């Protein structure tokens, strides 16, 4: 079976987001933006996993489109945190 690059990268990204969330909430006492990032950053991988079990091609595309939106949202929260 070939490796699923999107699945593994989204999982690795979620792990990094969880670590960042812990750092921001414990060390920097930042709760609001870090919680938003935690939700959107971990949702990407969950949606990729859901897409694996899609009932149709349209359902598969829809789940990946939502994952892309979550990735875009995560980028937004990261930009705000960086400022």
Protein backbone atom coordinates (compact mmCIF):
# COMPACT_ATOMS: atom_id res chain seq x y z
CA UNK A 1 0.00 0.00 0.00
CA UNK A 2 1.34 3.41 -0.97
CA UNK A 3 1.83 6.07 1.69
CA UNK A 4 -0.90 8.68 1.90
CA UNK A 5 1.10 11.91 2.03
CA UNK A 6 -1.88 14.13 2.83
CA UNK A 7 -2.95 11.86 5.68
CA UNK A 8 0.50 11.74 7.25
CA UNK A 9 1.21 15.47 6.80
CA UNK A 10 -2.15 16.49 8.24
CA UNK A 11 -1.52 14.20 11.23
CA UNK A 12 1.96 15.63 11.78
CA UNK A 13 0.54 19.15 11.48
CA UNK A 14 -2.09 18.34 14.11
CA UNK A 15 0.61 17.08 16.48
CA UNK A 16 2.58 20.31 16.05
CA UNK A 17 -0.56 22.37 16.62
CA UNK A 18 -1.30 20.50 19.85
CA UNK A 19 2.25 21.14 21.06
CA UNK A 20 1.97 24.81 20.10
CA UNK A 21 -1.36 25.07 21.92
CA UNK A 22 0.16 23.66 25.10
CA UNK A 23 3.07 26.08 24.85
CA UNK A 24 0.85 29.10 24.20
CA UNK A 25 -1.64 28.29 26.93
CA UNK A 26 0.89 27.27 29.60
CA UNK A 27 3.89 29.49 28.91
CA UNK A 28 2.34 32.55 27.28
CA UNK A 29 -1.11 32.41 28.90
CA UNK A 30 -2.75 32.90 25.50
CA UNK A 31 -6.10 31.13 25.44
CA UNK A 32 -8.45 32.61 22.86
CA UNK A 33 -6.44 32.50 19.62
CA UNK A 34 -4.61 29.33 20.58
CA UNK A 35 -7.92 27.51 21.17
CA UNK A 36 -9.18 28.60 17.74
CA UNK A 37 -5.95 27.36 16.18
CA UNK A 38 -6.24 24.06 18.04
CA UNK A 39 -9.72 23.48 16.66
CA UNK A 40 -8.99 24.37 13.05
CA UNK A 41 -5.52 22.81 12.97
CA UNK A 42 -6.69 19.43 14.22
CA UNK A 43 -9.85 19.46 12.11
CA UNK A 44 -7.82 19.19 8.91
CA UNK A 45 -6.60 15.68 9.64
CA UNK A 46 -9.99 14.59 10.97
CA UNK A 47 -11.63 15.67 7.72
CA UNK A 48 -8.99 13.87 5.67
CA UNK A 49 -9.75 10.71 7.65
CA UNK A 50 -13.48 11.21 7.12
CA UNK A 51 -12.89 11.57 3.38
CA UNK A 52 -11.40 8.07 3.32
CA UNK A 53 -14.84 6.73 4.18
CA UNK A 54 -16.79 9.02 1.87
CA UNK A 55 -19.96 7.55 0.45
CA UNK A 56 -19.44 9.07 -2.98
CA UNK A 57 -16.95 11.03 -5.04
CA UNK A 58 -18.94 14.20 -4.32
CA UNK A 59 -18.81 13.52 -0.57
CA UNK A 60 -15.04 12.94 -0.83
CA UNK A 61 -14.53 16.25 -2.64
CA UNK A 62 -16.76 18.05 -0.14
CA UNK A 63 -14.78 16.79 2.86
CA UNK A 64 -11.49 17.80 1.26
CA UNK A 65 -12.91 21.24 0.47
CA UNK A 66 -13.81 21.70 4.13
CA UNK A 67 -10.31 20.52 5.13
CA UNK A 68 -8.87 23.17 2.83
CA UNK A 69 -11.03 25.83 4.51
CA UNK A 70 -9.80 24.67 7.91
CA UNK A 71 -6.21 24.92 6.67
CA UNK A 72 -6.88 28.47 5.50
CA UNK A 73 -8.41 29.32 8.87
CA UNK A 74 -5.38 27.84 10.66
CA UNK A 75 -3.13 30.03 8.55
CA UNK A 76 -5.17 33.06 9.65
CA UNK A 77 -4.82 32.22 13.36
CA UNK A 78 -1.08 31.62 12.94
CA UNK A 79 -0.72 35.02 11.27
CA UNK A 80 -2.55 36.70 14.15
CA UNK A 81 -0.43 34.91 16.73
CA UNK A 82 2.73 35.89 14.92
CA UNK A 83 1.90 39.60 15.15
